[in-house]
Amino acid sequence: MSGGPDDVPATKPGSTAPGSTAPGRGRAGWSRPAASIPLPVLRAIPVVLACCAFALLPVPYAVIALVLAVLGALLPATLATWGVALVIALVPLMHPAAPADVRPYLVLALVHALHVLGGLNLALPALGRMRLRVLARPARRYLVVQVVAQPVLFAGLVLAQAPVRDALPPAAVVLATAVCAVAVVVVLRVLAARR
């Protein structure tokens, strides 16, 4: 999946990022520091994403998601970020969605982003800086999963609304699931071979 401690080198406050030179060193005595963000900003992103829940969920559930996000930002070991993801993912299941409704797709992207950020925040220290280019691998993996998952969600929503689903033999469902699983395995192997 994404976001392990080996993927994300962080630096302590006041130190230089791995792979960069100290100020005043490098070509002609000047170097451009690597673009980086403070790690507390990375911890705050799930809180910002939880605020998006107010557009997707009824108010009591959105408040619960926001409280869990703040708890997850302050204490990542509580795994509260995954609680936010659970609330955001399960509440929309109470009402069936149409394939043209954008909310299920936003929920899928939001829950996956919370999972990725929760893993990063759990693996990283509370203070320090992280180079932005380190986030490239988790971002690529996030996009690959979304490219596969969003069309599968669309197909699932179409099948759930179609009158054909009553006449659809169980073998066709099993076959479609197998084709999707093979496609995911092929995509993962192709990506692994490119590394």
Protein backbone atom coordinates (compact mmCIF):
# COMPACT_ATOMS: atom_id res chain seq x y z
CA MET A 1 0.00 0.00 0.00
CA SER A 2 1.55 3.31 0.97
CA GLY A 3 3.44 5.21 3.54
CA GLY A 4 5.97 3.24 5.51
CA PRO A 5 8.78 4.60 7.62
CA ASP A 6 11.32 3.56 4.98
CA ASP A 7 9.50 5.69 2.39
CA VAL A 8 9.50 8.92 4.34
CA PRO A 9 12.76 10.31 5.69
CA ALA A 10 12.15 13.24 8.01
CA THR A 11 14.52 15.78 9.47
CA LYS A 12 14.69 17.31 12.91
CA PRO A 13 14.14 21.03 13.36
CA GLY A 14 17.26 22.98 12.50
CA SER A 15 18.89 20.18 10.50
CA THR A 16 19.15 19.85 6.76
CA ALA A 17 17.12 17.37 4.78
CA PRO A 18 18.93 14.20 3.73
CA GLY A 19 20.37 14.65 0.27
CA SER A 20 20.58 18.44 0.54
CA THR A 21 23.58 20.55 1.38
CA ALA A 22 23.93 22.83 4.35
CA PRO A 23 23.37 26.54 3.74
CA GLY A 24 26.44 28.18 2.26
CA ARG A 25 27.73 24.97 0.72
CA GLY A 26 27.37 23.65 -2.78
CA ARG A 27 28.09 25.31 -6.11
CA ALA A 28 29.45 28.82 -5.81
CA GLY A 29 28.77 28.83 -2.06
CA TRP A 30 24.98 28.80 -2.46
CA SER A 31 22.50 26.00 -2.56
CA ARG A 32 18.78 25.95 -2.88
CA PRO A 33 17.22 24.08 0.04
CA ALA A 34 14.98 21.19 -0.83
CA ALA A 35 11.26 22.04 -0.73
CA SER A 36 9.89 20.70 2.52
CA ILE A 37 6.93 21.00 4.82
CA PRO A 38 6.75 20.94 8.61
CA LEU A 39 5.48 17.60 9.89
CA PRO A 40 2.72 19.25 11.97
CA VAL A 41 1.23 20.46 8.67
CA LEU A 42 1.10 16.85 7.48
CA ARG A 43 -0.72 15.96 10.71
CA ALA A 44 -3.23 18.78 10.15
CA ILE A 45 -4.24 17.65 6.64
CA PRO A 46 -6.62 14.91 7.93
CA VAL A 47 -8.37 17.58 10.02
CA VAL A 48 -8.87 19.68 6.89
CA LEU A 49 -10.17 16.62 5.05
CA ALA A 50 -12.54 15.88 7.92
CA CYS A 51 -13.95 19.38 7.49
CA CYS A 52 -14.97 18.26 3.99
CA ALA A 53 -17.26 15.75 5.72
CA PHE A 54 -19.63 18.63 6.49
CA ALA A 55 -20.46 18.70 2.77
CA LEU A 56 -20.96 14.93 2.58
CA LEU A 57 -22.53 13.90 5.90
CA PRO A 58 -25.31 15.02 8.23
CA VAL A 59 -24.04 17.43 10.90
CA PRO A 60 -23.84 15.06 13.91
CA TYR A 61 -21.70 12.59 11.98
CA ALA A 62 -19.53 15.34 10.52
CA VAL A 63 -18.86 16.66 14.04
CA ILE A 64 -17.89 13.16 15.17
CA ALA A 65 -15.53 12.89 12.19
CA LEU A 66 -13.97 16.26 13.01
CA VAL A 67 -13.43 15.38 16.68
CA LEU A 68 -11.82 12.08 15.69
CA ALA A 69 -9.59 13.89 13.18
CA VAL A 70 -8.35 16.33 15.82
CA LEU A 71 -7.67 13.42 18.17
CA GLY A 72 -5.82 11.61 15.39
CA ALA A 73 -3.73 14.70 14.66
CA LEU A 74 -2.74 15.12 18.30
CA LEU A 75 -2.28 11.43 19.11
CA PRO A 76 -1.76 9.34 15.95
CA ALA A 77 -1.26 6.17 18.00
CA THR A 78 -4.97 6.26 18.89
CA LEU A 79 -5.72 5.37 15.24
CA ALA A 80 -8.50 7.96 15.32
CA THR A 81 -7.76 8.92 11.71
CA TRP A 82 -9.11 5.53 10.67
CA GLY A 83 -12.16 6.24 12.85
CA VAL A 84 -12.74 9.34 10.72
CA ALA A 85 -12.47 7.18 7.61
CA LEU A 86 -14.98 4.71 9.06
CA VAL A 87 -17.51 7.41 9.88
CA ILE A 88 -17.15 9.02 6.46
CA ALA A 89 -17.40 5.65 4.69
CA LEU A 90 -20.27 4.08 6.65
CA VAL A 91 -22.73 6.97 7.01
CA PRO A 92 -23.41 7.29 3.25
CA LEU A 93 -24.28 3.58 3.16
CA MET A 94 -27.53 4.40 4.97
CA HIS A 95 -28.86 5.96 1.74
CA PRO A 96 -28.50 4.37 -1.69
CA ALA A 97 -26.55 6.47 -4.18
CA ALA A 98 -27.08 6.93 -7.89
CA PRO A 99 -24.15 6.48 -10.30
CA ALA A 100 -24.44 10.15 -11.32
CA ASP A 101 -24.14 11.34 -7.70
CA VAL A 102 -20.62 12.65 -7.05
CA ARG A 103 -20.66 11.99 -3.30
CA PRO A 104 -19.74 8.27 -3.37
CA TYR A 105 -16.68 9.04 -5.49
CA LEU A 106 -15.63 11.85 -3.15
CA VAL A 107 -16.13 9.56 -0.15
CA LEU A 108 -13.92 6.90 -1.75
CA ALA A 109 -11.15 9.40 -2.49
CA LEU A 110 -11.45 11.00 0.95
CA VAL A 111 -11.36 7.72 2.86
CA HIS A 112 -8.34 6.53 0.89
CA ALA A 113 -6.53 9.84 1.48
CA LEU A 114 -7.25 9.56 5.21
CA HIS A 115 -5.80 6.04 5.20
CA VAL A 116 -2.61 7.17 3.46
CA LEU A 117 -2.17 10.21 5.70
CA GLY A 118 -2.96 8.18 8.82
CA GLY A 119 -0.18 5.75 7.92
CA LEU A 120 2.29 8.56 7.29
CA ASN A 121 1.41 10.34 10.52
CA LEU A 122 1.73 7.13 12.49
CA ALA A 123 5.20 6.47 11.08
CA LEU A 124 6.62 9.99 11.39
CA PRO A 125 7.72 11.97 14.43
CA ALA A 126 5.63 14.90 15.64
CA LEU A 127 8.20 17.57 14.88
CA GLY A 128 10.59 18.13 12.02
CA ARG A 129 10.42 18.72 8.30
CA MET A 130 9.91 16.42 5.36
CA ARG A 131 10.95 16.95 1.77
CA LEU A 132 8.00 17.20 -0.58
CA ARG A 133 9.54 14.84 -3.11
CA VAL A 134 9.29 12.07 -0.50
CA LEU A 135 5.52 12.27 -0.86
CA ALA A 136 5.77 11.41 -4.57
CA ARG A 137 5.69 7.63 -4.07
CA PRO A 138 2.64 7.61 -1.76
CA ALA A 139 0.93 10.09 -4.10
CA ARG A 140 1.60 7.87 -7.13
CA ARG A 141 0.26 4.82 -5.30
CA TYR A 142 -2.79 6.82 -4.21
CA LEU A 143 -3.51 7.80 -7.81
CA VAL A 144 -3.04 4.25 -9.12
CA VAL A 145 -5.51 2.89 -6.58
CA GLN A 146 -7.99 5.67 -7.38
CA VAL A 147 -7.71 5.02 -11.13
CA VAL A 148 -8.74 1.43 -10.48
CA ALA A 149 -11.20 1.96 -7.63
CA GLN A 150 -13.31 4.80 -9.05
CA PRO A 151 -14.44 2.87 -12.18
CA VAL A 152 -15.12 -0.20 -10.03
CA LEU A 153 -17.31 1.95 -7.77
CA PHE A 154 -19.12 3.34 -10.81
CA ALA A 155 -19.75 -0.18 -12.13
CA GLY A 156 -21.00 -1.27 -8.72
CA LEU A 157 -23.40 1.67 -8.51
CA VAL A 158 -24.68 1.02 -12.02
CA LEU A 159 -25.26 -2.66 -11.26
CA ALA A 160 -27.00 -1.80 -7.99
CA GLN A 161 -29.45 0.48 -9.83
CA ALA A 162 -29.95 -1.68 -12.93
CA PRO A 163 -33.06 -3.83 -13.20
CA VAL A 164 -30.80 -6.45 -14.75
CA ARG A 165 -29.30 -7.32 -11.37
CA ASP A 166 -32.24 -9.64 -10.55
CA ALA A 167 -31.65 -11.59 -13.76
CA LEU A 168 -27.87 -11.49 -13.42
CA PRO A 169 -26.59 -14.98 -12.70
CA PRO A 170 -24.25 -15.31 -9.72
CA ALA A 171 -21.59 -16.76 -12.02
CA ALA A 172 -21.42 -13.44 -13.90
CA VAL A 173 -20.81 -11.58 -10.66
CA VAL A 174 -18.05 -14.00 -9.70
CA LEU A 175 -16.52 -13.69 -13.18
CA ALA A 176 -16.58 -9.87 -13.07
CA THR A 177 -14.98 -9.91 -9.62
CA ALA A 178 -12.28 -12.28 -10.85
CA VAL A 179 -11.56 -10.06 -13.86
CA CYS A 180 -11.20 -7.04 -11.56
CA ALA A 181 -8.88 -8.96 -9.24
CA VAL A 182 -6.71 -10.09 -12.17
CA ALA A 183 -6.57 -6.51 -13.46
CA VAL A 184 -5.39 -5.25 -10.08
CA VAL A 185 -2.72 -7.96 -9.86
CA VAL A 186 -1.50 -7.19 -13.39
CA VAL A 187 -1.33 -3.45 -12.67
CA LEU A 188 0.58 -4.07 -9.42
CA ARG A 189 3.08 -6.38 -11.13
CA VAL A 190 3.64 -3.93 -13.97
CA LEU A 191 4.28 -1.16 -11.45
CA ALA A 192 6.63 -3.39 -9.45
CA ALA A 193 8.57 -4.27 -12.60
CA ARG A 194 9.06 -0.59 -13.42
CA ARG A 195 10.91 0.04 -10.15
